[in-house]
């Protein structure tokens, strides 16, 4: 893979002045209620897809302001939200998923780390609760380099998952670690490049990042699917086993209450909103038609279920809760 240089000192200095709000959108999160937590609130949920054990892991929740949504008038957004009995400030889950495949322990996304406040950074506790340590993770499938998915790769100057190979579409690395792309980005977007340098860059320097190019079979039964738009290399990961299938969707969906009935609605975090909306339309249609499981990163935890058509939009059908998933097979 190509060599990428990153100024860690500059990134540290830049990050020190950033807001700790989710993806650092200060106006969007002003007045957001912050619950007082006395415990780590680790969360996990076990399921099985074919012969493969999967564990949904919670990194916590964060308040997300619906003002970030685009392509729908604000008053209509509020009307749609009221139909789901929620207001303009939403509690968004941040989910990761652990795949147990033979000797491999494969993590889909790596959580936020300390970047976005006390209601997040619960992934290490969730992982510990199911009996694993970060050192045991062999591979991490990064849907994209936004730091609500990669912030947990670093704890200060220490790589949290030192033995893991990190897999990501080459377009992500070439974009977020590029000084030229940073210089071309609007001023308010440059902080995301700085965060990427700080949190993802050290893994590149350590030789632990393995890039792929578009649709690629990464392991037996696990492949990447391009879903570009939210970011230049945003990718799904699809697992298939014994005729069953699950798609780990990353950030194709942020506010389910609005974007399921209105898939054309985008969010300000999208690098290319038009492409993001098109990718969402394709993903929704295929999942509803084929009936496989989906696991979006920001669906309410554990975030696993099916899509079905509902008029011109879609409806999420959560996976039924099972106290003992082993007995379900």
Protein backbone atom coordinates (compact mmCIF):
# COMPACT_ATOMS: atom_id res chain seq x y z
CA UNK A 1 0.00 0.00 0.00
CA UNK A 2 1.19 3.57 -0.47
CA UNK A 3 3.00 5.33 2.36
CA UNK A 4 1.02 8.03 4.14
CA UNK A 5 2.59 10.70 6.30
CA UNK A 6 0.72 12.39 9.09
CA UNK A 7 1.74 15.16 11.47
CA UNK A 8 0.75 13.71 14.86
CA UNK A 9 1.83 16.79 16.82
CA UNK A 10 -0.23 19.05 14.60
CA UNK A 11 -3.20 16.76 14.89
CA UNK A 12 -2.95 16.70 18.68
CA UNK A 13 -2.85 20.46 18.78
CA UNK A 14 -5.82 20.74 16.47
CA UNK A 15 -7.86 18.21 18.39
CA UNK A 16 -7.29 20.01 21.66
CA UNK A 17 -9.45 22.89 20.47
CA UNK A 18 -12.23 20.78 19.02
CA UNK A 19 -15.61 20.29 20.58
CA UNK A 20 -16.23 16.86 22.09
CA UNK A 21 -19.70 16.77 20.63
CA UNK A 22 -20.66 13.99 18.21
CA UNK A 23 -18.74 14.70 15.00
CA UNK A 24 -18.13 18.13 16.51
CA UNK A 25 -21.19 20.04 15.39
CA UNK A 26 -21.46 22.57 18.25
CA UNK A 27 -24.59 24.43 17.11
CA UNK A 28 -26.39 21.19 16.48
CA UNK A 29 -25.75 19.94 20.01
CA UNK A 30 -26.23 23.08 22.01
CA UNK A 31 -28.60 22.51 24.94
CA UNK A 32 -28.50 18.74 24.42
CA UNK A 33 -29.24 16.94 27.72
CA UNK A 34 -26.29 14.96 29.06
CA UNK A 35 -27.27 12.23 31.53
CA UNK A 36 -25.10 11.69 34.58
CA UNK A 37 -23.62 8.19 34.43
CA UNK A 38 -22.37 6.37 37.48
CA UNK A 39 -21.60 3.09 35.69
CA UNK A 40 -20.10 2.10 32.36
CA UNK A 41 -23.41 0.69 31.03
CA UNK A 42 -21.77 -1.92 28.86
CA UNK A 43 -24.16 -3.55 26.45
CA UNK A 44 -24.08 -6.66 24.29
CA UNK A 45 -26.46 -8.97 22.44
CA UNK A 46 -25.63 -12.37 20.97
CA UNK A 47 -27.04 -13.70 17.73
CA UNK A 48 -26.18 -16.32 15.17
CA UNK A 49 -26.15 -16.02 11.38
CA UNK A 50 -25.87 -19.47 9.87
CA UNK A 51 -22.95 -21.07 11.69
CA UNK A 52 -21.34 -17.77 12.71
CA UNK A 53 -21.60 -16.24 16.19
CA UNK A 54 -22.03 -12.45 16.22
CA UNK A 55 -22.18 -10.15 19.23
CA UNK A 56 -23.60 -6.64 19.00
CA UNK A 57 -21.55 -4.35 21.24
CA UNK A 58 -22.67 -0.95 22.50
CA UNK A 59 -20.28 1.99 22.58
CA UNK A 60 -23.04 4.08 24.17
CA UNK A 61 -25.32 6.82 22.92
CA UNK A 62 -25.04 10.46 21.99
CA UNK A 63 -27.54 13.26 21.51
CA UNK A 64 -28.07 14.02 17.82
CA UNK A 65 -29.87 17.15 16.70
CA UNK A 66 -32.37 16.70 13.85
CA UNK A 67 -31.33 20.12 12.54
CA UNK A 68 -28.47 18.25 10.88
CA UNK A 69 -30.89 16.67 8.41
CA UNK A 70 -31.09 18.12 4.90
CA UNK A 71 -33.49 17.99 1.95
CA UNK A 72 -36.59 18.28 4.11
CA UNK A 73 -38.06 21.45 5.63
CA UNK A 74 -37.43 21.64 9.40
CA UNK A 75 -41.12 21.80 10.21
CA UNK A 76 -41.73 18.62 8.23
CA UNK A 77 -38.83 16.90 10.00
CA UNK A 78 -40.44 17.72 13.35
CA UNK A 79 -43.79 16.46 12.16
CA UNK A 80 -42.27 13.14 11.09
CA UNK A 81 -40.38 12.82 14.38
CA UNK A 82 -43.57 13.36 16.38
CA UNK A 83 -45.08 10.35 14.66
CA UNK A 84 -42.37 8.28 16.36
CA UNK A 85 -42.87 10.05 19.71
CA UNK A 86 -39.46 11.70 19.68
CA UNK A 87 -38.41 15.33 19.64
CA UNK A 88 -35.71 17.28 17.81
CA UNK A 89 -32.92 15.96 20.07
CA UNK A 90 -32.47 12.24 19.51
CA UNK A 91 -30.48 9.62 21.38
CA UNK A 92 -28.35 7.95 18.71
CA UNK A 93 -26.74 4.60 19.44
CA UNK A 94 -23.17 3.90 18.41
CA UNK A 95 -22.89 0.17 17.70
CA UNK A 96 -20.02 -2.15 16.88
CA UNK A 97 -20.24 -5.85 16.05
CA UNK A 98 -17.96 -8.76 16.93
CA UNK A 99 -17.77 -11.69 14.51
CA UNK A 100 -16.36 -14.98 15.79
CA UNK A 101 -15.03 -16.88 12.77
CA UNK A 102 -12.79 -19.80 13.64
CA UNK A 103 -9.63 -18.42 15.22
CA UNK A 104 -10.47 -14.89 14.14
CA UNK A 105 -12.19 -12.28 16.26
CA UNK A 106 -13.35 -9.65 13.78
CA UNK A 107 -14.67 -6.30 14.97
CA UNK A 108 -16.85 -4.14 12.72
CA UNK A 109 -15.90 -0.54 13.62
CA UNK A 110 -14.03 0.51 16.74
CA UNK A 111 -16.17 3.02 18.64
CA UNK A 112 -15.53 6.63 19.52
CA UNK A 113 -12.90 6.66 22.20
CA UNK A 114 -12.98 9.74 24.42
CA UNK A 115 -13.84 12.22 21.67
CA UNK A 116 -17.56 12.77 22.14
CA UNK A 117 -18.27 12.84 25.83
CA UNK A 118 -19.17 10.64 28.80
CA UNK A 119 -22.14 8.80 27.28
CA UNK A 120 -19.82 7.07 24.80
CA UNK A 121 -16.53 5.11 24.89
CA UNK A 122 -18.30 2.04 26.32
CA UNK A 123 -16.97 -0.43 23.73
CA UNK A 124 -14.04 -1.65 25.87
CA UNK A 125 -16.41 -2.39 28.76
CA UNK A 126 -18.87 -4.12 26.43
CA UNK A 127 -16.08 -6.24 24.99
CA UNK A 128 -14.88 -7.14 28.47
CA UNK A 129 -18.41 -8.09 29.47
CA UNK A 130 -18.47 -10.84 26.81
CA UNK A 131 -15.11 -12.20 27.90
CA UNK A 132 -12.65 -10.66 25.43
CA UNK A 133 -9.83 -8.16 25.60
CA UNK A 134 -8.81 -5.69 22.89
CA UNK A 135 -5.55 -7.61 22.46
CA UNK A 136 -7.51 -10.65 21.26
CA UNK A 137 -9.08 -8.84 18.30
CA UNK A 138 -7.44 -10.10 15.11
CA UNK A 139 -9.14 -7.87 12.54
CA UNK A 140 -11.18 -4.66 12.41
CA UNK A 141 -13.45 -3.89 9.46
CA UNK A 142 -13.78 -0.10 9.29
CA UNK A 143 -16.88 1.08 7.45
CA UNK A 144 -15.34 4.55 7.16
CA UNK A 145 -12.83 6.75 8.98
CA UNK A 146 -15.19 9.20 10.72
CA UNK A 147 -14.05 9.07 14.33
CA UNK A 148 -17.32 7.85 15.80
CA UNK A 149 -16.16 4.63 14.09
CA UNK A 150 -12.38 4.88 14.54
CA UNK A 151 -11.85 7.10 17.61
CA UNK A 152 -11.59 3.98 19.76
CA UNK A 153 -8.48 2.81 17.91
CA UNK A 154 -6.34 5.04 20.13
CA UNK A 155 -6.22 5.76 23.86
CA UNK A 156 -3.87 8.70 24.10
CA UNK A 157 -0.68 7.50 22.42
CA UNK A 158 -1.55 3.81 22.80
CA UNK A 159 -3.13 1.65 20.11
CA UNK A 160 -6.09 -0.04 21.78
CA UNK A 161 -6.14 -3.09 19.46
CA UNK A 162 -2.39 -3.68 19.00
CA UNK A 163 -2.68 -7.08 17.29
CA UNK A 164 -5.50 -6.27 14.89
CA UNK A 165 -5.18 -5.79 11.16
CA UNK A 166 -7.44 -2.92 10.13
CA UNK A 167 -9.26 -3.30 6.82
CA UNK A 168 -10.63 -0.26 4.98
CA UNK A 169 -11.34 0.88 1.43
CA UNK A 170 -8.28 2.65 -0.01
CA UNK A 171 -10.44 5.69 -0.90
CA UNK A 172 -10.91 6.41 2.80
CA UNK A 173 -7.19 6.48 3.54
CA UNK A 174 -6.37 8.49 0.42
CA UNK A 175 -9.00 11.08 1.34
CA UNK A 176 -8.84 11.52 5.12
CA UNK A 177 -5.04 11.30 5.45
CA UNK A 178 -4.34 13.61 2.52
CA UNK A 179 -3.01 17.12 3.34
CA UNK A 180 -4.16 18.21 -0.11
CA UNK A 181 -7.76 17.05 0.50
CA UNK A 182 -7.73 18.75 3.89
CA UNK A 183 -6.59 22.03 2.33
CA UNK A 184 -9.38 21.81 -0.26
CA UNK A 185 -12.09 21.09 2.34
CA UNK A 186 -14.25 23.85 3.87
CA UNK A 187 -12.78 25.22 7.09
CA UNK A 188 -15.49 23.63 9.24
CA UNK A 189 -14.70 20.20 7.78
CA UNK A 190 -10.94 20.27 8.31
CA UNK A 191 -11.26 19.10 11.92
CA UNK A 192 -12.41 15.69 10.64
CA UNK A 193 -9.13 15.32 8.77
CA UNK A 194 -7.23 16.24 11.93
CA UNK A 195 -9.13 13.65 13.95
CA UNK A 196 -8.43 11.02 11.30
CA UNK A 197 -4.72 11.78 11.49
CA UNK A 198 -4.77 11.47 15.26
CA UNK A 199 -6.89 8.35 15.62
CA UNK A 200 -6.32 6.38 12.40
CA UNK A 201 -2.89 7.61 11.34
CA UNK A 202 -0.89 5.70 14.00
CA UNK A 203 -2.26 2.38 12.74
CA UNK A 204 -1.02 3.24 9.26
CA UNK A 205 2.39 4.14 10.66
CA UNK A 206 2.49 0.82 12.54
CA UNK A 207 1.83 -1.11 9.33
CA UNK A 208 -1.46 -2.46 10.67
CA UNK A 209 -3.77 -1.08 7.94
CA UNK A 210 -4.63 -3.23 4.94
CA UNK A 211 -6.54 -1.43 2.20
CA UNK A 212 -8.86 -3.03 -0.33
CA UNK A 213 -10.34 -1.62 -3.53
CA UNK A 214 -14.12 -1.74 -3.77
CA UNK A 215 -15.97 -5.05 -3.64
CA UNK A 216 -13.56 -7.55 -2.10
CA UNK A 217 -13.81 -10.94 -0.40
CA UNK A 218 -11.89 -10.37 2.82
CA UNK A 219 -12.46 -13.72 4.53
CA UNK A 220 -14.48 -16.80 3.72
CA UNK A 221 -18.09 -15.63 3.65
CA UNK A 222 -17.25 -11.99 4.45
CA UNK A 223 -16.97 -9.35 1.75
CA UNK A 224 -16.99 -5.59 1.38
CA UNK A 225 -19.67 -3.79 -0.63
CA UNK A 226 -19.07 -0.23 -1.86
CA UNK A 227 -21.61 2.26 -0.50
CA UNK A 228 -19.78 5.47 -1.38
CA UNK A 229 -21.26 8.87 -0.65
CA UNK A 230 -21.41 9.40 3.07
CA UNK A 231 -17.63 9.34 2.74
CA UNK A 232 -15.52 8.60 -0.36
CA UNK A 233 -14.83 4.97 0.63
CA UNK A 234 -17.81 4.18 2.87
CA UNK A 235 -18.33 0.42 2.77
CA UNK A 236 -20.76 -2.22 3.96
CA UNK A 237 -19.57 -5.60 5.16
CA UNK A 238 -21.70 -8.60 4.24
CA UNK A 239 -21.48 -11.95 6.02
CA UNK A 240 -23.12 -15.07 4.61
CA UNK A 241 -23.30 -18.52 6.20
CA UNK A 242 -25.53 -21.56 5.56
CA UNK A 243 -27.89 -19.54 3.37
CA UNK A 244 -28.29 -16.70 5.89
CA UNK A 245 -26.98 -13.17 5.44
CA UNK A 246 -26.34 -10.00 7.42
CA UNK A 247 -25.13 -6.61 6.15
CA UNK A 248 -23.25 -4.29 8.50
CA UNK A 249 -24.29 -0.92 7.17
CA UNK A 250 -22.14 1.68 8.86
CA UNK A 251 -23.59 5.16 8.32
CA UNK A 252 -26.12 4.60 5.56
CA UNK A 253 -28.71 5.63 8.14
CA UNK A 254 -28.50 8.20 10.95
CA UNK A 255 -32.06 9.15 11.92
CA UNK A 256 -34.23 6.13 11.27
CA UNK A 257 -37.43 7.91 12.28
CA UNK A 258 -37.04 10.24 9.29
CA UNK A 259 -34.80 8.46 6.78
CA UNK A 260 -36.73 5.18 6.70
CA UNK A 261 -39.99 6.78 5.54
CA UNK A 262 -38.03 9.38 3.52
CA UNK A 263 -34.80 7.79 2.21
CA UNK A 264 -33.94 10.87 0.16
CA UNK A 265 -33.27 12.88 3.34
CA UNK A 266 -29.53 13.38 3.89
CA UNK A 267 -27.41 14.63 6.78
CA UNK A 268 -24.73 17.30 7.01
CA UNK A 269 -22.04 14.70 7.72
CA UNK A 270 -22.37 13.34 4.15
CA UNK A 271 -19.34 14.22 2.03
CA UNK A 272 -21.41 13.65 -1.14
CA UNK A 273 -25.11 13.89 -0.21
CA UNK A 274 -26.38 12.92 -3.68
CA UNK A 275 -24.28 9.75 -3.76
CA UNK A 276 -25.19 8.98 -0.14
CA UNK A 277 -28.91 9.19 -0.91
CA UNK A 278 -28.48 6.96 -3.95
CA UNK A 279 -26.53 4.38 -1.93
CA UNK A 280 -29.26 4.39 0.72
CA UNK A 281 -32.00 3.91 -1.87
CA UNK A 282 -30.18 0.89 -3.33
CA UNK A 283 -29.45 -0.62 0.06
CA UNK A 284 -32.99 -0.20 1.37
CA UNK A 285 -34.56 -1.66 -1.75
CA UNK A 286 -32.29 -4.72 -1.80
CA UNK A 287 -32.61 -5.46 1.91
CA UNK A 288 -36.40 -5.24 1.76
CA UNK A 289 -36.60 -7.39 -1.36
CA UNK A 290 -34.20 -10.09 -0.19
CA UNK A 291 -35.14 -10.07 3.49
CA UNK A 292 -31.67 -10.44 4.98
CA UNK A 293 -30.60 -8.99 8.32
CA UNK A 294 -29.17 -5.49 8.54
CA UNK A 295 -27.03 -3.93 11.27
CA UNK A 296 -26.72 -0.13 10.96
CA UNK A 297 -24.22 1.59 13.24
CA UNK A 298 -26.70 4.14 14.63
CA UNK A 299 -29.94 2.16 14.91
CA UNK A 300 -31.11 1.84 18.53
CA UNK A 301 -29.01 -0.88 20.16
CA UNK A 302 -28.57 -3.74 19.36
CA UNK A 303 -29.52 -2.41 15.93
CA UNK A 304 -30.19 -5.70 14.15
CA UNK A 305 -33.34 -6.44 12.18
CA UNK A 306 -35.02 -6.48 8.79
CA UNK A 307 -36.46 -3.85 6.45
CA UNK A 308 -39.88 -4.05 4.87
CA UNK A 309 -41.60 -1.76 2.41
CA UNK A 310 -44.07 0.68 3.94
CA UNK A 311 -45.78 2.83 1.30
CA UNK A 312 -43.12 4.93 -0.42
CA UNK A 313 -40.67 4.31 2.40
CA UNK A 314 -39.53 1.52 4.68
CA UNK A 315 -40.04 0.14 8.15
CA UNK A 316 -37.49 -1.44 10.47
CA UNK A 317 -38.49 -4.74 12.06
CA UNK A 318 -36.17 -5.47 15.00
CA UNK A 319 -34.84 -8.96 15.52
CA UNK A 320 -37.01 -10.62 18.21
CA UNK A 321 -35.29 -10.71 21.58
CA UNK A 322 -33.99 -14.14 22.60
CA UNK A 323 -32.68 -14.84 26.08
CA UNK A 324 -30.70 -17.86 24.86
CA UNK A 325 -29.74 -17.57 21.20
CA UNK A 326 -28.20 -21.05 21.20
CA UNK A 327 -31.66 -22.56 21.65
CA UNK A 328 -32.96 -20.61 18.66
CA UNK A 329 -31.04 -22.73 16.15
